[in-house]
Amino acid sequence: MGKFFKGTVVLNKKLGVKKNNPAYSTGLEWGGFSSTKILSLSPVDGKGIASVYQTTEADYETVVRQATQAQKTWQTWPAPKRGEVVRQLGDAFRSHKEALGQLVSYEMGKSLQEGLGEVQEIIDICDFATGLSRQLYGLTLPSERPAHRMFEQWLPLGVVGIISAFNFPVAVWSWNAMIALVCGNSTIWKPSEKTPLCAVAVMHIVRETLRSNRVPEGVLCMIQGDRTAGEWISRDPRISLVSATGSVRMGREVAREVASRLGKALLELGGNNAIIITPTANLKIVLAGTVFGAVGTAGQRCTSTRRLIIHESIYDQVVQALIKAYKQLKIGNPLDPSNHCGPLIDAGAVHAYLAALEKIRQSGGKLLTPSGSLKGKGFESGCYVRPCIAAVVPSMEIVQTETFAPILYVMKYKTLEEAIAIQNGVPQGLSSAIMTNELREAEMFLSAQGSDCGIANVNIGTSGAEIGGAFGGEKETGGGRESGSDAWKAYMRRQTSTINYSESLPLAQGIRFEV
């Protein structure tokens, strides 16, 4: 990575960070940084963890030139050899899983188990990409001309820009970067300015593997900064693909900039995910899937469960069971495994949560559980809130929007057709689920007349996608697909080729041209 790793860390000595912990490596002296620093504040306790130097525009130019040059060499490596490097990267993350998982938990605020699980996703996608490196299949097509062979092949795109969000500070990068690597691309990562240290730690972990394999310097790059740095990537015609994860507002801006230069964009944006609860549903599965989906990561997943659409015949039973379950939730330091829910990312997220509660009241909704901010010992950061349940009707404006917080809306339905219409009746289309033991209901939900989301589950919640499946959604979610299945095709360009091995030049469609 050398001087092109633009993320030198200045640690806060008061925190007592261990220097032998690879997630907190220090001593980088790669110059050319701006004097502006990004201070990472932990939402767990409100303390400053460390500062990261912000990338200048001149540094960005250097990074892009290096990434472009490195890619020209990297694409000549056989794909299985590129896959071997990715396999070794997976082993590096295995070695540092605990340290990186702790940092993810502390800097972002998700539970330690979720932090460790996020690192496991990196390991899993490395395994997937390693196998994929031997399966970048093309097609052989029948030609209408004699003595001709026609085929399709997939070739590297070039430089891939990755703009990631705070809620998954390392996993989403890996979904893109590991697939892009085996496809023969170089990558430039712009992590969220709210979780810069996780990205720094990732770059430390991968550095030695890349060097030991003599990977061209610049194949994996990172820049640090705010939305301006993201704009550099979006507007740059040297960036062949921009993969952006974040809000719908951000996605619109990226899409507009990339489209203006006729570039390629892969967007993973908002989710307003619902679970339909039918009369035959297993209540135990309903509770587990709903509570984890609504409360996990303090409701800050793009796949978080935001709406529960319950059949009127079991509405009271389900709601009372949920209220009882919410009373048992433990909120506090996410590094304590006894706690179910940690903090929101920052004061702005808390403000959005409180504003949503007020809008629920003004719209005639009813809060069924205690809500609001938590104060006092253990909540000094000011980022802790109570997960809550609100009874609403589907037409309320607040229900149509995504609040990145642990607010669960409950509503009634009479027929399955009505429930599906409610489920689909929002601008977002990421994840969805139905809880049922009725085959007809499950099949209808999964049919063309059913869920309009990119993810549709039966007797599974909306959260917790596996890396083997293509991840993404429709409508305002952006239409992008990352991770598994054939999502790799987004990181390559398709080329149709024909070879004429005859002694003449027959033309297509029987056209004759005499010379």
Protein backbone atom coordinates (compact mmCIF):
# COMPACT_ATOMS: atom_id res chain seq x y z
CA MET A 1 0.00 0.00 0.00
CA GLY A 2 2.91 2.31 0.82
CA LYS A 3 2.38 6.02 0.38
CA PHE A 4 -0.92 5.43 -1.40
CA PHE A 5 -2.61 4.29 1.80
CA LYS A 6 -3.96 7.72 2.75
CA GLY A 7 -5.09 6.97 6.26
CA THR A 8 -2.37 7.60 8.84
CA VAL A 9 -3.70 7.33 12.38
CA VAL A 10 -2.94 9.68 15.26
CA LEU A 11 -3.98 7.77 18.37
CA ASN A 12 -5.43 9.31 21.50
CA LYS A 13 -2.92 8.15 24.10
CA LYS A 14 -5.46 8.51 26.90
CA LEU A 15 -7.33 5.47 25.59
CA GLY A 16 -4.45 3.13 26.35
CA VAL A 17 -4.62 1.42 22.96
CA LYS A 18 -2.19 -1.48 22.68
CA LYS A 19 0.36 -0.87 19.95
CA ASN A 20 0.76 -4.57 19.23
CA ASN A 21 -2.90 -4.80 18.27
CA PRO A 22 -2.96 -4.85 14.44
CA ALA A 23 -6.32 -3.09 14.43
CA TYR A 24 -4.58 -0.04 15.89
CA SER A 25 -1.24 -0.09 14.06
CA THR A 26 0.74 3.14 14.28
CA GLY A 27 3.97 4.57 12.99
CA LEU A 28 3.00 5.17 9.36
CA GLU A 29 4.97 7.98 7.76
CA TRP A 30 3.64 8.29 4.25
CA GLY A 31 3.48 12.06 3.90
CA GLY A 32 1.51 14.23 1.50
CA PHE A 33 -1.47 14.53 3.82
CA SER A 34 -3.61 17.57 4.44
CA SER A 35 -3.50 19.23 7.83
CA THR A 36 -7.19 18.43 8.27
CA LYS A 37 -8.00 15.48 10.47
CA ILE A 38 -11.15 13.43 10.97
CA LEU A 39 -11.70 12.64 14.65
CA SER A 40 -13.41 9.33 15.27
CA LEU A 41 -15.77 9.53 18.26
CA SER A 42 -17.08 6.28 19.69
CA PRO A 43 -20.86 6.33 20.20
CA VAL A 44 -20.29 3.78 22.99
CA ASP A 45 -18.78 6.26 25.45
CA GLY A 46 -18.43 9.51 23.50
CA LYS A 47 -14.63 9.43 23.66
CA GLY A 48 -12.29 10.24 20.82
CA ILE A 49 -10.53 7.13 19.60
CA ALA A 50 -8.10 8.60 17.09
CA SER A 51 -7.72 11.08 14.25
CA VAL A 52 -7.23 10.22 10.59
CA TYR A 53 -5.66 12.59 8.09
CA GLN A 54 -8.04 13.66 5.35
CA THR A 55 -6.99 13.04 1.75
CA THR A 56 -6.28 16.11 -0.36
CA GLU A 57 -7.37 16.42 -3.97
CA ALA A 58 -3.71 16.25 -5.03
CA ASP A 59 -3.33 13.02 -3.08
CA TYR A 60 -6.46 11.70 -4.75
CA GLU A 61 -4.92 12.33 -8.17
CA THR A 62 -1.86 10.35 -7.12
CA VAL A 63 -4.01 7.49 -5.87
CA VAL A 64 -6.03 7.29 -9.10
CA ARG A 65 -2.93 7.31 -11.28
CA GLN A 66 -1.37 4.55 -9.20
CA ALA A 67 -4.58 2.47 -9.17
CA THR A 68 -4.93 2.84 -12.95
CA GLN A 69 -1.35 1.78 -13.59
CA ALA A 70 -1.51 -1.12 -11.12
CA GLN A 71 -4.68 -2.46 -12.72
CA LYS A 72 -3.00 -2.79 -16.10
CA THR A 73 -0.56 -5.27 -14.56
CA TRP A 74 -3.03 -6.94 -12.22
CA GLN A 75 -5.41 -7.83 -15.05
CA THR A 76 -2.64 -9.85 -16.70
CA TRP A 77 -2.41 -12.18 -13.70
CA PRO A 78 -4.39 -15.40 -14.29
CA ALA A 79 -7.70 -15.22 -12.43
CA PRO A 80 -6.91 -18.28 -10.24
CA LYS A 81 -3.66 -16.60 -9.19
CA ARG A 82 -5.63 -13.49 -8.23
CA GLY A 83 -7.95 -15.80 -6.33
CA GLU A 84 -5.01 -17.25 -4.39
CA VAL A 85 -4.15 -13.75 -3.16
CA VAL A 86 -7.75 -13.28 -2.03
CA ARG A 87 -7.62 -16.63 -0.23
CA GLN A 88 -4.61 -15.42 1.71
CA LEU A 89 -6.42 -12.18 2.51
CA GLY A 90 -9.19 -14.29 4.05
CA ASP A 91 -6.61 -16.02 6.24
CA ALA A 92 -5.25 -12.63 7.34
CA PHE A 93 -8.71 -11.59 8.47
CA ARG A 94 -9.12 -14.90 10.28
CA SER A 95 -5.98 -14.09 12.26
CA HIS A 96 -7.25 -10.64 13.22
CA LYS A 97 -10.97 -11.36 13.53
CA GLU A 98 -11.26 -10.65 17.25
CA ALA A 99 -9.27 -7.39 17.17
CA LEU A 100 -11.07 -6.01 14.11
CA GLY A 101 -14.45 -7.14 15.43
CA GLN A 102 -13.84 -5.25 18.66
CA LEU A 103 -12.89 -2.12 16.75
CA VAL A 104 -16.02 -2.37 14.59
CA SER A 105 -18.14 -2.70 17.72
CA TYR A 106 -16.46 0.19 19.51
CA GLU A 107 -16.26 2.65 16.61
CA MET A 108 -19.67 1.92 15.07
CA GLY A 109 -21.63 0.88 18.17
CA LYS A 110 -23.00 -2.51 17.08
CA SER A 111 -22.84 -5.48 19.45
CA LEU A 112 -19.58 -7.38 19.71
CA GLN A 113 -21.19 -10.46 18.17
CA GLU A 114 -22.33 -8.36 15.22
CA GLY A 115 -18.85 -6.85 14.93
CA LEU A 116 -17.28 -10.29 14.85
CA GLY A 117 -19.97 -11.40 12.42
CA GLU A 118 -19.10 -8.55 10.10
CA VAL A 119 -15.47 -9.67 9.98
CA GLN A 120 -16.69 -13.21 9.34
CA GLU A 121 -18.51 -11.84 6.28
CA ILE A 122 -15.15 -10.64 4.96
CA ILE A 123 -13.71 -14.12 5.49
CA ASP A 124 -16.72 -15.73 3.81
CA ILE A 125 -16.60 -13.47 0.76
CA CYS A 126 -12.87 -14.17 0.41
CA ASP A 127 -13.68 -17.89 0.31
CA PHE A 128 -16.46 -17.27 -2.20
CA ALA A 129 -14.27 -15.07 -4.41
CA THR A 130 -11.45 -17.61 -4.35
CA GLY A 131 -13.75 -20.23 -5.86
CA LEU A 132 -15.22 -17.66 -8.23
CA SER A 133 -11.76 -16.98 -9.67
CA ARG A 134 -12.02 -20.33 -11.49
CA GLN A 135 -15.62 -19.76 -12.63
CA LEU A 136 -15.67 -16.50 -14.57
CA TYR A 137 -17.50 -18.29 -17.35
CA GLY A 138 -18.37 -16.96 -20.76
CA LEU A 139 -20.62 -18.52 -23.42
CA THR A 140 -20.12 -20.22 -26.77
CA LEU A 141 -22.84 -19.16 -29.21
CA PRO A 142 -23.94 -20.72 -32.53
CA SER A 143 -22.96 -18.58 -35.48
CA GLU A 144 -25.16 -18.39 -38.58
CA ARG A 145 -22.03 -18.15 -40.75
CA PRO A 146 -20.11 -21.32 -41.69
CA ALA A 147 -16.63 -21.89 -40.25
CA HIS A 148 -17.15 -19.22 -37.60
CA ARG A 149 -16.97 -19.46 -33.83
CA MET A 150 -18.85 -16.89 -31.79
CA PHE A 151 -18.43 -16.51 -28.05
CA GLU A 152 -18.82 -14.13 -25.12
CA GLN A 153 -16.11 -13.39 -22.62
CA TRP A 154 -15.89 -11.22 -19.52
CA LEU A 155 -12.97 -8.83 -19.09
CA PRO A 156 -11.89 -6.52 -16.23
CA LEU A 157 -13.48 -3.09 -16.06
CA GLY A 158 -10.52 -1.11 -14.71
CA VAL A 159 -10.69 0.91 -11.51
CA VAL A 160 -13.66 0.36 -9.18
CA GLY A 161 -14.63 3.08 -6.69
CA ILE A 162 -16.24 1.89 -3.45
CA ILE A 163 -18.17 4.33 -1.25
CA SER A 164 -19.35 2.59 1.91
CA ALA A 165 -21.57 3.56 4.86
CA PHE A 166 -20.96 3.62 8.61
CA ASN A 167 -23.35 0.81 9.55
CA PHE A 168 -21.22 -1.90 7.93
CA PRO A 169 -17.81 -0.26 8.05
CA VAL A 170 -15.81 -3.25 6.73
CA ALA A 171 -18.09 -5.97 5.31
CA VAL A 172 -19.62 -4.00 2.44
CA TRP A 173 -16.15 -2.96 1.29
CA SER A 174 -15.18 -6.63 1.09
CA TRP A 175 -18.29 -7.62 -0.88
CA ASN A 176 -17.12 -5.24 -3.57
CA ALA A 177 -13.34 -5.36 -3.25
CA MET A 178 -12.84 -9.13 -3.15
CA ILE A 179 -15.07 -9.71 -6.18
CA ALA A 180 -13.47 -6.79 -8.01
CA LEU A 181 -10.01 -8.21 -7.27
CA VAL A 182 -10.60 -11.67 -8.72
CA CYS A 183 -12.21 -10.00 -11.75
CA GLY A 184 -8.93 -8.18 -12.41
CA ASN A 185 -9.78 -4.68 -11.21
CA SER A 186 -8.09 -2.30 -8.81
CA THR A 187 -10.19 -0.51 -6.19
CA ILE A 188 -10.30 2.87 -4.44
CA TRP A 189 -12.27 2.84 -1.18
CA LYS A 190 -13.88 5.91 0.38
CA PRO A 191 -15.18 4.73 3.79
CA SER A 192 -17.65 6.67 5.89
CA GLU A 193 -16.11 9.58 7.75
CA LYS A 194 -18.00 8.30 10.80
CA THR A 195 -15.98 5.06 10.93
CA PRO A 196 -12.56 5.90 9.46
CA LEU A 197 -10.50 3.73 11.82
CA CYS A 198 -12.13 0.48 10.77
CA ALA A 199 -10.99 1.19 7.22
CA VAL A 200 -7.48 2.03 8.43
CA ALA A 201 -7.35 -1.26 10.33
CA VAL A 202 -8.48 -3.20 7.24
CA MET A 203 -5.69 -1.66 5.19
CA HIS A 204 -3.13 -2.62 7.79
CA ILE A 205 -4.37 -6.21 7.77
CA VAL A 206 -4.24 -6.60 3.97
CA ARG A 207 -0.94 -4.80 3.46
CA GLU A 208 1.45 -7.63 4.30
CA THR A 209 -0.40 -10.20 2.19
CA LEU A 210 -0.32 -7.90 -0.84
CA ARG A 211 3.37 -7.18 -0.40
CA SER A 212 4.38 -10.80 0.14
CA ASN A 213 2.62 -11.76 -3.10
CA ARG A 214 4.17 -8.82 -4.99
CA VAL A 215 0.74 -7.48 -5.89
CA PRO A 216 1.17 -4.23 -7.85
CA GLU A 217 1.12 -1.27 -5.50
CA GLY A 218 -2.20 0.53 -5.95
CA VAL A 219 -4.48 -2.47 -6.50
CA LEU A 220 -6.18 -1.84 -3.14
CA CYS A 221 -6.32 1.86 -2.26
CA MET A 222 -8.15 3.99 0.28
CA ILE A 223 -8.87 7.69 0.63
CA GLN A 224 -10.37 9.44 3.65
CA GLY A 225 -12.78 12.33 3.62
CA ASP A 226 -16.34 13.61 3.62
CA ARG A 227 -18.82 13.77 0.76
CA THR A 228 -16.36 15.82 -1.30
CA ALA A 229 -14.09 12.77 -1.58
CA GLY A 230 -17.09 10.76 -2.76
CA GLU A 231 -17.79 13.38 -5.39
CA TRP A 232 -14.23 13.04 -6.73
CA ILE A 233 -14.88 9.35 -7.32
CA SER A 234 -18.36 9.87 -8.80
CA ARG A 235 -17.22 12.51 -11.27
CA ASP A 236 -14.00 10.83 -12.35
CA PRO A 237 -14.18 9.20 -15.81
CA ARG A 238 -11.16 7.08 -14.85
CA ILE A 239 -13.37 5.22 -12.37
CA SER A 240 -15.11 2.55 -14.43
CA LEU A 241 -17.64 1.54 -11.78
CA VAL A 242 -18.84 3.39 -8.68
CA SER A 243 -20.35 1.14 -6.05
CA ALA A 244 -22.09 3.31 -3.45
CA THR A 245 -23.89 2.25 -0.28
CA GLY A 246 -25.85 4.77 1.76
CA SER A 247 -28.96 6.90 1.84
CA VAL A 248 -31.32 7.48 -1.06
CA ARG A 249 -30.28 11.14 -1.07
CA MET A 250 -26.64 10.19 -1.46
CA GLY A 251 -27.50 7.62 -4.11
CA ARG A 252 -29.34 10.16 -6.22
CA GLU A 253 -26.30 12.44 -6.19
CA VAL A 254 -23.93 9.62 -7.11
CA ALA A 255 -26.24 8.36 -9.86
CA ARG A 256 -26.55 11.83 -11.35
CA GLU A 257 -22.81 12.45 -11.39
CA VAL A 258 -21.95 9.01 -12.80
CA ALA A 259 -24.71 9.16 -15.41
CA SER A 260 -23.53 12.58 -16.59
CA ARG A 261 -20.28 10.94 -17.76
CA LEU A 262 -22.07 7.76 -18.93
CA GLY A 263 -20.33 5.69 -16.29
CA LYS A 264 -21.54 2.61 -14.44
CA ALA A 265 -23.03 2.78 -10.95
CA LEU A 266 -23.97 0.04 -8.51
CA LEU A 267 -26.27 1.47 -5.83
CA GLU A 268 -27.31 -0.05 -2.49
CA LEU A 269 -29.57 2.50 -0.82
CA GLY A 270 -32.48 2.69 1.61
CA GLY A 271 -34.72 -0.05 2.91
CA ASN A 272 -38.18 0.11 4.51
CA ASN A 273 -38.51 -3.57 5.14
CA ALA A 274 -41.66 -5.39 6.20
CA ILE A 275 -42.67 -8.78 7.56
CA ILE A 276 -46.17 -10.10 6.89
CA ILE A 277 -47.52 -12.20 9.79
CA THR A 278 -50.23 -14.66 8.79
CA PRO A 279 -52.61 -16.59 11.09
CA THR A 280 -50.62 -19.83 10.64
CA ALA A 281 -47.27 -18.28 11.56
CA ASN A 282 -45.10 -19.85 14.27
CA LEU A 283 -45.07 -17.20 17.01
CA LYS A 284 -41.64 -18.28 18.25
CA ILE A 285 -40.13 -17.65 14.81
CA VAL A 286 -42.09 -14.41 14.50
CA LEU A 287 -40.67 -13.02 17.75
CA ALA A 288 -37.07 -14.06 17.04
CA GLY A 289 -37.09 -12.75 13.47
CA THR A 290 -38.87 -9.51 14.32
CA VAL A 291 -36.93 -8.51 17.42
CA PHE A 292 -33.53 -9.23 15.88
CA GLY A 293 -34.54 -7.49 12.65
CA ALA A 294 -35.88 -4.40 14.41
CA VAL A 295 -33.37 -4.05 17.25
CA GLY A 296 -30.13 -5.49 15.81
CA THR A 297 -27.51 -2.79 15.16
CA ALA A 298 -29.98 -0.43 16.89
CA GLY A 299 -32.12 -0.44 13.75
CA GLN A 300 -29.26 0.87 11.62
CA ARG A 301 -29.16 -1.88 9.02
CA CYS A 302 -30.47 -1.27 5.53
CA THR A 303 -32.31 -4.60 6.05
CA SER A 304 -33.68 -3.69 9.51
CA THR A 305 -37.33 -4.62 10.04
CA ARG A 306 -39.31 -1.37 10.07
CA ARG A 307 -42.88 -2.56 9.44
CA LEU A 308 -44.87 -5.50 10.79
CA ILE A 309 -48.05 -6.25 8.81
CA ILE A 310 -50.19 -8.50 11.03
CA HIS A 311 -53.43 -10.31 10.23
CA GLU A 312 -56.26 -8.76 12.22
CA SER A 313 -57.19 -12.10 13.83
CA ILE A 314 -53.82 -12.38 15.61
CA TYR A 315 -52.86 -8.72 15.85
CA ASP A 316 -53.40 -8.33 19.60
CA GLN A 317 -51.65 -11.62 20.38
CA VAL A 318 -48.57 -10.76 18.33
CA VAL A 319 -48.33 -7.18 19.59
CA GLN A 320 -48.63 -8.21 23.24
CA ALA A 321 -45.94 -10.85 22.78
CA LEU A 322 -43.66 -8.25 21.19
CA ILE A 323 -44.28 -5.74 23.99
CA LYS A 324 -43.32 -8.44 26.50
CA ALA A 325 -40.17 -9.22 24.53
CA TYR A 326 -39.19 -5.53 24.33
CA LYS A 327 -39.44 -5.23 28.11
CA GLN A 328 -36.64 -7.79 28.35
CA LEU A 329 -34.24 -5.93 26.08
CA LYS A 330 -30.98 -4.79 27.62
CA ILE A 331 -29.50 -1.60 26.25
CA GLY A 332 -25.92 -0.55 26.91
CA ASN A 333 -22.27 -0.96 25.99
CA PRO A 334 -22.24 -3.22 22.91
CA LEU A 335 -18.96 -4.79 23.99
CA ASP A 336 -20.86 -6.35 26.90
CA PRO A 337 -22.38 -9.57 25.46
CA SER A 338 -25.32 -9.37 27.88
CA ASN A 339 -26.67 -6.28 26.10
CA HIS A 340 -28.99 -6.64 23.10
CA CYS A 341 -28.82 -3.11 21.76
CA GLY A 342 -26.05 -0.52 21.60
CA PRO A 343 -26.08 3.17 20.66
CA LEU A 344 -27.00 5.03 17.53
CA ILE A 345 -24.04 6.30 15.54
CA ASP A 346 -24.17 9.98 16.61
CA ALA A 347 -26.27 12.89 17.84
CA GLY A 348 -27.72 13.43 14.38
CA ALA A 349 -29.16 9.92 14.38
CA VAL A 350 -30.67 10.51 17.82
CA HIS A 351 -32.28 13.71 16.54
CA ALA A 352 -33.81 11.82 13.59
CA TYR A 353 -35.15 9.17 15.98
CA LEU A 354 -36.77 11.79 18.25
CA ALA A 355 -38.21 13.66 15.25
CA ALA A 356 -39.79 10.43 14.00
CA LEU A 357 -41.40 9.82 17.40
CA GLU A 358 -42.89 13.29 17.33
CA LYS A 359 -44.20 12.78 13.83
CA ILE A 360 -45.83 9.50 14.88
CA ARG A 361 -47.69 11.34 17.66
CA GLN A 362 -48.72 14.19 15.37
CA SER A 363 -50.00 11.73 12.74
CA GLY A 364 -52.25 9.93 15.20
CA GLY A 365 -50.05 6.91 15.79
CA LYS A 366 -49.66 5.38 19.24
CA LEU A 367 -46.41 4.43 20.97
CA LEU A 368 -46.94 1.05 22.61
CA THR A 369 -43.64 0.84 24.49
CA PRO A 370 -41.41 3.35 26.32
CA SER A 371 -39.37 5.52 23.96
CA GLY A 372 -36.88 8.35 23.93
CA SER A 373 -33.24 8.95 24.79
CA LEU A 374 -31.46 7.26 27.67
CA LYS A 375 -29.46 9.31 30.14
CA GLY A 376 -27.28 8.61 33.14
CA LYS A 377 -24.50 6.20 33.95
CA GLY A 378 -23.45 4.08 30.97
CA PHE A 379 -25.21 6.39 28.52
CA GLU A 380 -22.81 9.35 28.69
CA SER A 381 -22.31 9.51 24.92
CA GLY A 382 -25.91 10.66 24.48
CA CYS A 383 -26.40 8.18 21.63
CA TYR A 384 -28.51 5.56 23.40
CA VAL A 385 -32.25 5.34 22.73
CA ARG A 386 -35.08 2.98 23.61
CA PRO A 387 -36.20 0.58 20.85
CA CYS A 388 -39.94 1.09 20.56
CA ILE A 389 -43.09 -0.16 18.88
CA ALA A 390 -45.66 2.17 17.31
CA ALA A 391 -49.19 1.34 16.15
CA VAL A 392 -49.86 3.10 12.85
CA VAL A 393 -51.83 2.91 9.62
CA PRO A 394 -49.94 2.25 6.36
CA SER A 395 -50.89 5.56 4.75
CA MET A 396 -49.03 7.70 7.31
CA GLU A 397 -46.22 9.68 5.76
CA ILE A 398 -43.72 8.61 8.43
CA VAL A 399 -44.32 4.96 7.52
CA GLN A 400 -43.33 5.68 3.93
CA THR A 401 -39.87 6.89 4.92
CA GLU A 402 -36.84 5.16 6.40
CA THR A 403 -35.76 6.25 9.86
CA PHE A 404 -32.38 4.70 10.66
CA ALA A 405 -33.33 3.87 14.25
CA PRO A 406 -35.03 1.06 16.25
CA ILE A 407 -38.66 2.06 15.61
CA LEU A 408 -41.01 -0.77 14.61
CA TYR A 409 -44.37 0.07 13.03
CA VAL A 410 -47.22 -2.42 13.52
CA MET A 411 -50.37 -2.43 11.39
CA LYS A 412 -53.30 -4.71 10.49
CA TYR A 413 -54.47 -6.42 7.31
CA LYS A 414 -57.49 -8.50 6.29
CA THR A 415 -56.41 -10.41 3.16
CA LEU A 416 -53.04 -11.51 1.87
CA GLU A 417 -53.53 -9.42 -1.25
CA GLU A 418 -53.98 -6.37 0.98
CA ALA A 419 -50.89 -7.28 3.02
CA ILE A 420 -48.75 -7.57 -0.11
CA ALA A 421 -50.09 -4.25 -1.38
CA ILE A 422 -49.09 -2.63 1.94
CA GLN A 423 -45.70 -4.31 1.80
CA ASN A 424 -45.07 -3.01 -1.72
CA GLY A 425 -46.65 0.38 -1.12
CA VAL A 426 -43.45 2.21 -0.16
CA PRO A 427 -40.74 3.76 -2.36
CA GLN A 428 -38.04 1.36 -1.16
CA GLY A 429 -37.66 -2.28 -2.21
CA LEU A 430 -34.81 -4.02 -0.42
CA SER A 431 -35.85 -6.85 1.91
CA SER A 432 -39.18 -8.48 2.78
CA ALA A 433 -40.52 -11.55 4.54
CA ILE A 434 -43.64 -13.53 5.27
CA MET A 435 -44.26 -15.74 8.29
CA THR A 436 -46.61 -18.56 7.31
CA ASN A 437 -47.06 -22.33 7.34
CA GLU A 438 -49.47 -22.16 4.41
CA LEU A 439 -47.83 -23.17 1.11
CA ARG A 440 -50.24 -21.15 -1.01
CA GLU A 441 -49.44 -17.96 0.91
CA ALA A 442 -45.69 -18.52 0.64
CA GLU A 443 -45.86 -19.16 -3.10
CA MET A 444 -48.06 -16.14 -3.70
CA PHE A 445 -45.62 -13.95 -1.77
CA LEU A 446 -42.75 -15.19 -3.95
CA SER A 447 -44.66 -14.90 -7.24
CA ALA A 448 -44.65 -12.03 -9.71
CA GLN A 449 -47.77 -10.74 -7.91
CA GLY A 450 -45.97 -10.89 -4.56
CA SER A 451 -43.10 -8.99 -3.00
CA ASP A 452 -41.43 -6.42 -5.25
CA CYS A 453 -38.21 -6.45 -3.23
CA GLY A 454 -34.78 -7.73 -4.17
CA ILE A 455 -34.90 -10.07 -1.15
CA ALA A 456 -37.99 -12.08 -0.24
CA ASN A 457 -37.91 -14.58 2.63
CA VAL A 458 -40.32 -17.15 4.04
CA ASN A 459 -40.17 -17.83 7.80
CA ILE A 460 -36.95 -15.81 8.03
CA GLY A 461 -36.69 -12.16 9.04
CA THR A 462 -35.63 -9.31 6.75
CA SER A 463 -32.12 -9.10 8.18
CA GLY A 464 -29.18 -11.45 7.84
CA ALA A 465 -28.48 -12.09 4.15
CA GLU A 466 -25.91 -14.72 3.15
CA ILE A 467 -22.96 -13.79 0.96
CA GLY A 468 -23.74 -16.58 -1.52
CA GLY A 469 -26.83 -14.76 -2.79
CA ALA A 470 -26.90 -11.54 -4.77
CA PHE A 471 -27.65 -8.70 -2.34
CA GLY A 472 -29.65 -5.64 -3.34
CA GLY A 473 -33.08 -4.20 -3.96
CA GLU A 474 -35.40 -2.41 -6.35
CA LYS A 475 -37.03 1.02 -6.65
CA GLU A 476 -35.32 3.62 -4.43
CA THR A 477 -32.98 0.94 -3.10
CA GLY A 478 -31.09 1.46 -6.36
CA GLY A 479 -31.26 -1.82 -8.26
CA GLY A 480 -27.66 -2.86 -7.58
CA ARG A 481 -26.50 -6.38 -6.73
CA GLU A 482 -23.41 -7.21 -4.69
CA SER A 483 -21.73 -10.29 -3.23
CA GLY A 484 -22.87 -13.70 -4.48
CA SER A 485 -24.62 -15.41 -7.40
CA ASP A 486 -23.63 -13.69 -10.67
CA ALA A 487 -23.16 -10.24 -9.09
CA TRP A 488 -19.54 -10.51 -10.29
CA LYS A 489 -20.70 -9.53 -13.77
CA ALA A 490 -21.20 -5.94 -12.57
CA TYR A 491 -17.42 -5.70 -12.08
CA MET A 492 -16.58 -6.84 -15.62
CA ARG A 493 -17.31 -5.84 -19.18
CA ARG A 494 -18.96 -8.24 -21.61
CA GLN A 495 -17.33 -8.77 -24.99
CA THR A 496 -18.85 -10.67 -27.90
CA SER A 497 -16.20 -12.10 -30.23
CA THR A 498 -16.31 -14.01 -33.51
CA ILE A 499 -13.48 -15.95 -35.16
CA ASN A 500 -13.59 -16.73 -38.88
CA TYR A 501 -11.47 -19.79 -39.65
CA SER A 502 -12.63 -20.18 -43.28
CA GLU A 503 -10.88 -19.08 -46.47
CA SER A 504 -13.59 -16.54 -47.33
CA LEU A 505 -15.61 -13.80 -45.64
CA PRO A 506 -19.29 -14.73 -45.50
CA LEU A 507 -21.39 -11.86 -44.15
CA ALA A 508 -24.24 -12.08 -41.68
CA GLN A 509 -27.89 -12.28 -42.80
CA GLY A 510 -26.77 -13.59 -46.19
CA ILE A 511 -25.56 -10.17 -47.38
CA ARG A 512 -23.29 -10.28 -50.43
CA PHE A 513 -20.61 -7.71 -51.06
CA GLU A 514 -18.41 -8.37 -54.09
CA VAL A 515 -15.00 -6.72 -54.44
